[in-house]
């Protein structure tokens, strides 16, 4: 990805993608929410990883995604930010 993404931009994009994936209303997802509380299961998480790869040009699985990185939208955004800003 050529442009440098900010944390707020990544968080907003993730919130939007998660709303779409989980069929939630706009505004139902905020960066501090846990993925589990939103209803994210393992199958949907794999779908989210595919969206992340397409949207940000980053394979989190290849980058060594850690369990603590998938606790909330914000922690996932931080992992994406770290992966896109080496």
N, C-alpha and C. Protein backbone atom coordinates (compact mmCIF):
# COMPACT_ATOMS: atom_id res chain seq x y z
N UNK A 1 0.84 -1.17 0.00
CA UNK A 1 0.00 0.00 0.00
C UNK A 1 0.90 1.24 0.00
N UNK A 2 0.68 2.11 -0.93
CA UNK A 2 1.56 3.25 -1.10
C UNK A 2 1.37 4.31 -0.02
N UNK A 3 0.14 4.61 0.36
CA UNK A 3 -0.08 5.66 1.33
C UNK A 3 0.09 5.15 2.76
N UNK A 4 0.52 6.05 3.64
CA UNK A 4 0.68 5.72 5.04
C UNK A 4 -0.66 5.91 5.74
N UNK A 5 -1.21 4.86 6.28
CA UNK A 5 -2.51 4.93 6.95
C UNK A 5 -2.34 5.28 8.42
N UNK A 6 -3.23 6.11 8.92
CA UNK A 6 -3.22 6.46 10.33
C UNK A 6 -4.05 5.44 11.11
N UNK A 7 -3.82 5.38 12.41
CA UNK A 7 -4.61 4.49 13.26
C UNK A 7 -6.10 4.80 13.15
N UNK A 8 -6.52 6.07 13.25
CA UNK A 8 -7.96 6.35 13.13
C UNK A 8 -8.55 5.88 11.80
N UNK A 9 -7.81 6.03 10.72
CA UNK A 9 -8.30 5.60 9.41
C UNK A 9 -8.44 4.08 9.36
N UNK A 10 -7.48 3.38 9.93
CA UNK A 10 -7.54 1.91 9.97
C UNK A 10 -8.71 1.46 10.85
N UNK A 11 -8.86 2.08 12.01
CA UNK A 11 -9.96 1.72 12.92
C UNK A 11 -11.31 1.94 12.24
N UNK A 12 -11.46 3.07 11.55
CA UNK A 12 -12.73 3.36 10.88
C UNK A 12 -13.02 2.33 9.79
N UNK A 13 -12.01 2.00 9.02
CA UNK A 13 -12.20 1.00 7.95
C UNK A 13 -12.57 -0.35 8.54
N UNK A 14 -11.90 -0.75 9.63
CA UNK A 14 -12.23 -2.01 10.29
C UNK A 14 -13.65 -2.01 10.82
N UNK A 15 -14.05 -0.93 11.46
CA UNK A 15 -15.42 -0.83 11.98
C UNK A 15 -16.43 -1.02 10.85
N UNK A 16 -16.19 -0.37 9.74
CA UNK A 16 -17.09 -0.48 8.59
C UNK A 16 -17.12 -1.90 8.05
N UNK A 17 -15.96 -2.51 7.88
CA UNK A 17 -15.89 -3.87 7.34
C UNK A 17 -16.54 -4.88 8.29
N UNK A 18 -16.37 -4.70 9.58
CA UNK A 18 -16.97 -5.60 10.56
C UNK A 18 -18.49 -5.44 10.57
N UNK A 19 -18.98 -4.20 10.46
CA UNK A 19 -20.42 -3.97 10.37
C UNK A 19 -21.00 -4.71 9.18
N UNK A 20 -20.32 -4.63 8.04
CA UNK A 20 -20.80 -5.31 6.84
C UNK A 20 -20.77 -6.82 7.05
N UNK A 21 -19.66 -7.33 7.54
CA UNK A 21 -19.47 -8.77 7.71
C UNK A 21 -20.48 -9.37 8.68
N UNK A 22 -20.79 -8.64 9.75
CA UNK A 22 -21.70 -9.15 10.78
C UNK A 22 -23.13 -8.64 10.63
N UNK A 23 -23.40 -7.94 9.52
CA UNK A 23 -24.73 -7.39 9.24
C UNK A 23 -25.25 -6.51 10.38
N UNK A 24 -24.38 -5.62 10.84
CA UNK A 24 -24.73 -4.69 11.91
C UNK A 24 -25.04 -3.33 11.31
N UNK A 25 -25.72 -2.50 12.08
CA UNK A 25 -26.07 -1.16 11.62
C UNK A 25 -24.86 -0.23 11.73
N UNK A 26 -24.80 0.80 10.88
CA UNK A 26 -23.73 1.79 11.01
C UNK A 26 -23.73 2.38 12.43
N UNK A 27 -22.56 2.47 13.01
CA UNK A 27 -22.43 2.98 14.36
C UNK A 27 -22.48 1.92 15.44
N UNK A 28 -22.81 0.67 15.07
CA UNK A 28 -22.89 -0.43 16.05
C UNK A 28 -21.51 -0.92 16.50
N UNK A 29 -20.47 -0.53 15.78
CA UNK A 29 -19.11 -1.00 16.08
C UNK A 29 -18.22 0.20 16.39
N UNK A 30 -17.53 0.13 17.51
CA UNK A 30 -16.56 1.17 17.86
C UNK A 30 -15.21 0.51 18.13
N UNK A 31 -14.12 1.28 18.04
CA UNK A 31 -12.78 0.70 18.18
C UNK A 31 -12.52 -0.03 19.50
N UNK A 32 -13.19 0.36 20.58
CA UNK A 32 -12.92 -0.27 21.87
C UNK A 32 -13.71 -1.56 22.10
N UNK A 33 -14.59 -1.91 21.20
CA UNK A 33 -15.41 -3.10 21.39
C UNK A 33 -14.61 -4.37 21.13
N UNK A 34 -14.88 -5.38 21.94
CA UNK A 34 -14.21 -6.66 21.71
C UNK A 34 -14.86 -7.36 20.52
N UNK A 35 -14.04 -8.05 19.78
CA UNK A 35 -14.55 -8.76 18.61
C UNK A 35 -15.54 -9.84 19.03
N UNK A 36 -15.27 -10.49 20.13
CA UNK A 36 -16.15 -11.56 20.63
C UNK A 36 -17.53 -10.99 20.98
N UNK A 37 -17.58 -9.81 21.63
CA UNK A 37 -18.86 -9.23 22.01
C UNK A 37 -19.70 -8.84 20.80
N UNK A 38 -19.05 -8.63 19.67
CA UNK A 38 -19.75 -8.29 18.44
C UNK A 38 -20.33 -9.53 17.74
N UNK A 39 -19.94 -10.71 18.21
CA UNK A 39 -20.42 -11.94 17.59
C UNK A 39 -19.44 -12.54 16.59
N UNK A 40 -18.20 -12.10 16.65
CA UNK A 40 -17.18 -12.60 15.72
C UNK A 40 -16.79 -14.02 16.13
N UNK A 41 -17.01 -14.96 15.23
CA UNK A 41 -16.59 -16.33 15.47
C UNK A 41 -15.40 -16.64 14.55
N UNK A 42 -14.88 -17.83 14.64
CA UNK A 42 -13.66 -18.15 13.89
C UNK A 42 -13.88 -18.09 12.38
N UNK A 43 -15.02 -18.53 11.90
CA UNK A 43 -15.29 -18.50 10.46
C UNK A 43 -15.39 -17.06 9.95
N UNK A 44 -16.08 -16.22 10.70
CA UNK A 44 -16.18 -14.81 10.31
C UNK A 44 -14.83 -14.12 10.44
N UNK A 45 -14.03 -14.54 11.40
CA UNK A 45 -12.71 -13.92 11.55
C UNK A 45 -11.83 -14.23 10.34
N UNK A 46 -11.92 -15.44 9.82
CA UNK A 46 -11.16 -15.78 8.61
C UNK A 46 -11.62 -14.89 7.46
N UNK A 47 -12.92 -14.66 7.36
CA UNK A 47 -13.44 -13.75 6.33
C UNK A 47 -12.89 -12.35 6.52
N UNK A 48 -12.80 -11.91 7.78
CA UNK A 48 -12.25 -10.59 8.07
C UNK A 48 -10.77 -10.52 7.68
N UNK A 49 -10.03 -11.58 7.93
CA UNK A 49 -8.62 -11.60 7.53
C UNK A 49 -8.46 -11.44 6.02
N UNK A 50 -9.37 -12.04 5.26
CA UNK A 50 -9.34 -11.91 3.80
C UNK A 50 -9.62 -10.45 3.40
N UNK A 51 -10.59 -9.84 4.07
CA UNK A 51 -10.91 -8.44 3.80
C UNK A 51 -9.69 -7.56 4.12
N UNK A 52 -9.04 -7.83 5.26
CA UNK A 52 -7.86 -7.06 5.66
C UNK A 52 -6.75 -7.19 4.62
N UNK A 53 -6.55 -8.41 4.14
CA UNK A 53 -5.50 -8.62 3.13
C UNK A 53 -5.78 -7.82 1.87
N UNK A 54 -7.04 -7.81 1.43
CA UNK A 54 -7.40 -7.06 0.22
C UNK A 54 -7.35 -5.55 0.46
N UNK A 55 -7.86 -5.10 1.60
CA UNK A 55 -7.96 -3.66 1.86
C UNK A 55 -6.63 -3.02 2.19
N UNK A 56 -5.77 -3.74 2.91
CA UNK A 56 -4.52 -3.15 3.39
C UNK A 56 -3.26 -3.77 2.78
N UNK A 57 -3.44 -4.79 1.94
CA UNK A 57 -2.29 -5.44 1.33
C UNK A 57 -1.39 -6.11 2.35
N UNK A 58 -2.00 -6.70 3.37
CA UNK A 58 -1.23 -7.26 4.48
C UNK A 58 -1.82 -8.60 4.91
N UNK A 59 -1.00 -9.63 4.95
CA UNK A 59 -1.41 -10.92 5.48
C UNK A 59 -1.00 -10.99 6.94
N UNK A 60 -1.96 -10.81 7.84
CA UNK A 60 -1.65 -10.83 9.26
C UNK A 60 -1.17 -12.20 9.71
N UNK A 61 -1.66 -13.25 9.10
CA UNK A 61 -1.22 -14.60 9.47
C UNK A 61 0.26 -14.77 9.14
N UNK A 62 0.69 -14.30 8.00
CA UNK A 62 2.11 -14.39 7.62
C UNK A 62 2.97 -13.45 8.46
N UNK A 63 2.36 -12.36 8.95
CA UNK A 63 3.09 -11.39 9.76
C UNK A 63 3.20 -11.83 11.22
N UNK A 64 2.64 -12.99 11.55
CA UNK A 64 2.75 -13.50 12.92
C UNK A 64 1.72 -12.91 13.87
N UNK A 65 0.46 -12.90 13.46
CA UNK A 65 -0.62 -12.37 14.28
C UNK A 65 -0.65 -13.07 15.64
N UNK A 66 -0.67 -12.28 16.69
CA UNK A 66 -0.70 -12.81 18.06
C UNK A 66 -2.13 -12.76 18.60
N UNK A 67 -2.42 -13.64 19.54
CA UNK A 67 -3.76 -13.74 20.13
C UNK A 67 -4.22 -12.40 20.71
N UNK A 68 -3.32 -11.67 21.39
CA UNK A 68 -3.70 -10.40 22.00
C UNK A 68 -4.07 -9.34 20.96
N UNK A 69 -3.68 -9.54 19.72
CA UNK A 69 -3.99 -8.57 18.67
C UNK A 69 -5.43 -8.68 18.19
N UNK A 70 -6.12 -9.72 18.58
CA UNK A 70 -7.49 -9.90 18.10
C UNK A 70 -8.52 -9.75 19.22
N UNK A 71 -8.18 -8.99 20.22
CA UNK A 71 -9.10 -8.78 21.33
C UNK A 71 -10.17 -7.73 21.01
N UNK A 72 -9.78 -6.68 20.33
CA UNK A 72 -10.73 -5.60 20.01
C UNK A 72 -10.42 -5.05 18.63
N UNK A 73 -11.31 -4.20 18.18
CA UNK A 73 -11.08 -3.53 16.89
C UNK A 73 -9.79 -2.73 16.97
N UNK A 74 -9.58 -2.04 18.09
CA UNK A 74 -8.39 -1.20 18.26
C UNK A 74 -7.10 -2.02 18.25
N UNK A 75 -7.08 -3.16 18.93
CA UNK A 75 -5.86 -3.98 18.95
C UNK A 75 -5.59 -4.58 17.58
N UNK A 76 -6.65 -4.92 16.86
CA UNK A 76 -6.47 -5.43 15.50
C UNK A 76 -5.97 -4.32 14.59
N UNK A 77 -6.48 -3.11 14.76
CA UNK A 77 -6.01 -1.96 13.97
C UNK A 77 -4.53 -1.70 14.26
N UNK A 78 -4.12 -1.85 15.50
CA UNK A 78 -2.71 -1.65 15.86
C UNK A 78 -1.82 -2.67 15.16
N UNK A 79 -2.30 -3.91 15.06
CA UNK A 79 -1.53 -4.95 14.36
C UNK A 79 -1.41 -4.62 12.87
N UNK A 80 -2.48 -4.12 12.29
CA UNK A 80 -2.46 -3.72 10.89
C UNK A 80 -1.52 -2.54 10.70
N UNK A 81 -1.61 -1.56 11.58
CA UNK A 81 -0.74 -0.39 11.51
C UNK A 81 0.72 -0.79 11.60
N UNK A 82 1.03 -1.67 12.53
CA UNK A 82 2.42 -2.13 12.69
C UNK A 82 2.89 -2.88 11.43
N UNK A 83 2.00 -3.63 10.82
CA UNK A 83 2.35 -4.39 9.63
C UNK A 83 2.52 -3.54 8.39
N UNK A 84 1.84 -2.38 8.36
CA UNK A 84 1.94 -1.51 7.20
C UNK A 84 2.94 -0.39 7.38
N UNK A 85 3.51 -0.29 8.59
CA UNK A 85 4.53 0.71 8.89
C UNK A 85 5.74 0.04 9.52
N UNK A 86 6.48 -0.74 8.71
CA UNK A 86 7.61 -1.49 9.29
C UNK A 86 8.73 -0.59 9.79
